[in-house]
Protein backbone atom coordinates (compact mmCIF):
# COMPACT_ATOMS: atom_id res chain seq x y z
CA UNK A 1 -2.03 7.76 -17.55
CA UNK A 2 0.78 9.25 -19.64
CA UNK A 3 -1.03 8.92 -23.02
CA UNK A 4 -4.00 10.80 -21.54
CA UNK A 5 -1.71 13.48 -20.10
CA UNK A 6 0.08 13.88 -23.43
CA UNK A 7 -3.26 14.18 -25.24
CA UNK A 8 -4.29 17.03 -22.94
CA UNK A 9 -0.86 18.62 -23.37
CA UNK A 10 -1.23 18.45 -27.17
CA UNK A 11 -4.60 20.13 -26.88
CA UNK A 12 -3.08 22.93 -24.81
CA UNK A 13 -0.20 23.32 -27.27
CA UNK A 14 -2.74 23.56 -30.07
CA UNK A 15 -4.20 26.58 -28.30
CA UNK A 16 -0.79 28.21 -27.95
CA UNK A 17 -0.08 27.07 -24.40
CA UNK A 18 3.16 25.62 -23.02
CA UNK A 19 2.26 22.67 -20.80
CA UNK A 20 4.79 20.87 -18.64
CA UNK A 21 3.89 17.21 -18.26
CA UNK A 22 5.10 15.61 -15.04
CA UNK A 23 5.49 11.85 -15.49
CA UNK A 24 4.25 9.30 -12.98
CA UNK A 25 6.32 9.48 -9.82
CA UNK A 26 8.01 12.64 -11.12
CA UNK A 27 10.42 10.25 -12.83
CA UNK A 28 12.40 12.38 -15.24
CA UNK A 29 15.88 13.93 -14.95
CA UNK A 30 14.54 16.95 -13.05
CA UNK A 31 12.61 14.72 -10.65
CA UNK A 32 15.67 12.53 -10.06
CA UNK A 33 17.71 15.51 -8.83
CA UNK A 34 16.33 15.15 -5.32
CA UNK A 35 17.82 11.69 -4.95
CA UNK A 36 21.13 12.76 -6.45
CA UNK A 37 21.23 15.16 -3.53
CA UNK A 38 20.15 12.33 -1.22
CA UNK A 39 23.16 10.26 -2.34
CA UNK A 40 25.43 13.19 -1.55
CA UNK A 41 23.79 13.53 1.87
CA UNK A 42 24.35 9.84 2.64
CA UNK A 43 28.03 10.16 1.73
CA UNK A 44 28.46 13.36 3.72
CA UNK A 45 26.75 12.06 6.86
CA UNK A 46 28.43 8.66 6.79
CA UNK A 47 31.78 10.41 6.38
CA UNK A 48 31.05 12.61 9.38
CA UNK A 49 30.12 9.49 11.38
CA UNK A 50 33.31 7.72 10.34
CA UNK A 51 32.06 4.79 8.29
CA UNK A 52 31.82 3.87 4.62
CA UNK A 53 28.54 2.76 3.04
CA UNK A 54 28.68 -0.43 0.98
CA UNK A 55 25.08 -0.74 -0.18
CA UNK A 56 21.94 1.36 -0.16
CA UNK A 57 18.61 -0.50 -0.25
CA UNK A 58 15.49 1.32 -1.45
CA UNK A 59 12.08 0.58 -2.91
CA UNK A 60 12.01 0.96 -6.70
CA UNK A 61 8.82 1.58 -8.64
CA UNK A 62 8.57 4.47 -11.08
CA UNK A 63 12.39 4.63 -11.45
CA UNK A 64 13.18 8.19 -10.32
CA UNK A 65 14.35 7.40 -6.80
CA UNK A 66 16.75 4.65 -7.82
CA UNK A 67 17.98 6.49 -10.92
CA UNK A 68 18.81 9.57 -8.86
CA UNK A 69 20.67 7.53 -6.25
CA UNK A 70 22.66 5.63 -8.87
CA UNK A 71 23.69 8.85 -10.63
CA UNK A 72 24.50 10.55 -7.33
CA UNK A 73 26.76 7.79 -6.05
CA UNK A 74 28.37 7.29 -9.45
CA UNK A 75 29.04 11.02 -9.82
CA UNK A 76 30.94 10.87 -6.53
CA UNK A 77 32.75 7.71 -7.72
CA UNK A 78 31.87 6.28 -4.32
CA UNK A 79 31.54 2.62 -5.26
CA UNK A 80 28.28 2.43 -3.29
CA UNK A 81 25.86 -0.16 -4.67
CA UNK A 82 22.19 0.77 -4.96
CA UNK A 83 19.88 -2.22 -4.66
CA UNK A 84 16.31 -1.51 -5.62
CA UNK A 85 13.63 -3.80 -4.23
CA UNK A 86 10.90 -3.92 -6.87
CA UNK A 87 7.33 -3.09 -5.90
CA UNK A 88 5.57 -3.69 -9.21
CA UNK A 89 7.51 -5.61 -11.86
CA UNK A 90 10.29 -8.20 -12.34
CA UNK A 91 13.90 -7.25 -11.64
CA UNK A 92 15.25 -7.33 -15.23
CA UNK A 93 12.35 -5.20 -16.48
CA UNK A 94 12.84 -2.70 -13.67
CA UNK A 95 16.60 -2.54 -14.20
CA UNK A 96 16.11 -1.69 -17.88
CA UNK A 97 13.55 1.00 -17.02
CA UNK A 98 15.78 2.56 -14.36
CA UNK A 99 18.81 2.56 -16.65
CA UNK A 100 16.73 4.25 -19.35
CA UNK A 101 16.33 7.15 -16.90
CA UNK A 102 19.88 6.98 -15.53
CA UNK A 103 21.40 7.92 -18.89
CA UNK A 104 19.51 11.20 -19.51
CA UNK A 105 19.78 12.10 -15.83
CA UNK A 106 23.57 11.70 -15.94
CA UNK A 107 23.68 13.84 -19.08
CA UNK A 108 21.40 16.44 -17.47
CA UNK A 109 23.84 16.98 -14.59
CA UNK A 110 26.88 16.92 -16.88
CA UNK A 111 28.40 13.66 -15.69
CA UNK A 112 31.52 13.08 -17.78
CA UNK A 113 32.01 9.32 -17.37
CA UNK A 114 29.45 6.75 -18.53
CA UNK A 115 27.51 4.67 -16.03
CA UNK A 116 27.67 0.94 -16.71
CA UNK A 117 24.38 -0.90 -17.08
CA UNK A 118 25.55 -3.30 -14.34
CA UNK A 119 25.41 -0.47 -11.79
CA UNK A 120 21.61 -0.67 -11.87
CA UNK A 121 20.48 -3.57 -9.67
CA UNK A 122 16.91 -4.52 -8.84
CA UNK A 123 15.50 -7.56 -7.08
CA UNK A 124 11.96 -8.54 -8.06
CA UNK A 125 11.61 -11.38 -5.56
CA UNK A 126 9.44 -9.41 -3.13
CA UNK A 127 6.69 -8.00 -5.37
CA UNK A 128 4.35 -10.86 -4.51
CA UNK A 129 1.10 -10.89 -6.46
CA UNK A 130 1.52 -7.31 -7.62
CA UNK A 131 1.73 -3.61 -6.84
CA UNK A 132 0.12 -2.76 -3.53
CA UNK A 133 -0.81 -6.38 -2.81
CA UNK A 134 0.32 -7.38 0.70
CA UNK A 135 2.84 -10.17 1.23
CA UNK A 136 3.68 -12.08 4.42
CA UNK A 137 7.22 -10.67 4.27
CA UNK A 138 5.93 -7.11 4.05
CA UNK A 139 3.62 -7.63 7.02
CA UNK A 140 6.47 -9.11 9.06
CA UNK A 141 8.74 -6.19 8.08
CA UNK A 142 6.15 -3.60 9.15
CA UNK A 143 5.67 -5.37 12.47
CA UNK A 144 9.39 -5.84 13.12
CA UNK A 145 10.34 -2.26 12.21
CA UNK A 146 7.59 -0.79 14.38
CA UNK A 147 8.25 -2.97 17.43
CA UNK A 148 12.05 -3.01 17.36
CA UNK A 149 12.88 0.43 15.96
CA UNK A 150 9.75 2.58 16.31
CA UNK A 151 9.89 2.91 12.54
CA UNK A 152 6.64 3.16 10.57
CA UNK A 153 6.89 1.71 7.07
CA UNK A 154 4.23 1.80 4.37
CA UNK A 155 2.66 -1.34 2.87
CA UNK A 156 3.31 -0.50 -0.80
CA UNK A 157 6.91 0.73 -1.01
CA UNK A 158 9.12 0.78 2.08
CA UNK A 159 7.44 -2.27 3.61
CA UNK A 160 8.30 -4.48 0.66
CA UNK A 161 11.77 -2.95 0.44
CA UNK A 162 12.41 -3.73 4.11
CA UNK A 163 11.05 -7.24 3.59
CA UNK A 164 13.68 -7.67 0.89
CA UNK A 165 16.46 -6.30 3.07
CA UNK A 166 15.52 -8.58 5.98
CA UNK A 167 15.29 -11.68 3.80
CA UNK A 168 18.55 -10.98 1.98
CA UNK A 169 20.34 -10.34 5.29
CA UNK A 170 19.04 -13.65 6.64
CA UNK A 171 20.37 -15.36 3.53
CA UNK A 172 23.83 -13.88 4.10
CA UNK A 173 23.98 -11.43 1.20
CA UNK A 174 26.15 -9.05 3.21
CA UNK A 175 29.10 -9.74 5.49
CA UNK A 176 28.91 -8.67 9.12
CA UNK A 177 31.42 -5.86 8.57
CA UNK A 178 29.55 -4.33 5.63
CA UNK A 179 27.40 -1.23 6.10
CA UNK A 180 23.95 -1.31 4.52
CA UNK A 181 21.79 1.82 4.54
CA UNK A 182 18.01 1.61 4.10
CA UNK A 183 16.34 4.67 2.59
CA UNK A 184 12.80 5.19 3.87
CA UNK A 185 10.76 6.86 1.11
CA UNK A 186 7.76 7.73 3.28
CA UNK A 187 4.14 6.82 2.62
CA UNK A 188 3.07 5.95 6.16
CA UNK A 189 -0.40 7.40 5.49
CA UNK A 190 -1.01 4.29 3.40
CA UNK A 191 -1.15 2.26 6.61
CA UNK A 192 -4.73 3.41 7.22
CA UNK A 193 -5.93 1.84 3.97
CA UNK A 194 -4.49 -1.52 5.02
CA UNK A 195 -6.04 -1.78 8.50
CA UNK A 196 -8.05 -4.94 7.68
CA UNK A 197 -4.88 -6.71 6.50
CA UNK A 198 -2.61 -5.45 9.25
CA UNK A 199 -5.04 -6.12 12.09
CA UNK A 200 -5.70 -2.53 13.09
CA UNK A 201 -8.46 -1.56 15.56
């Protein structure tokens, strides 16, 4: 997708135009700003509610969401961990890609202290057969969230992220006194495309 977009942009530049190419997922420093603000919102609201957040769990795909959260929490020197649950590629590959965006994003907002590579954490255990391909864990997570919390997740991003959170909690990743926040990134409209898999009417 990006090579084709750049080719069109070059053509426009050749005619004297000034194109602005938006990368997939809006994943550049400007696009990551929204989730820097989201990190600040999490800290503000949790402070108002009187508890400290230990870990934020979120789906990670095209890097911008996780990069913005990492920069936002690091800028506040909060110590909050951001665990990305991969939706399309292995954890180490995703971590490297996210960190590649973290650095220019931190520079873009004028962050003075460096962010350590170890602050970018991604778990690729819940991708399954690939991007957008349903997994039993994702289906269970959608069902559980809807029935127990009235929360509609999507099959591609938040469903797999919640599947990861549920499985890791069952395995004892977090202590009972720790506070884990799940960030729902939307996408519920995708449920309609998965009716045959999810057993819709």
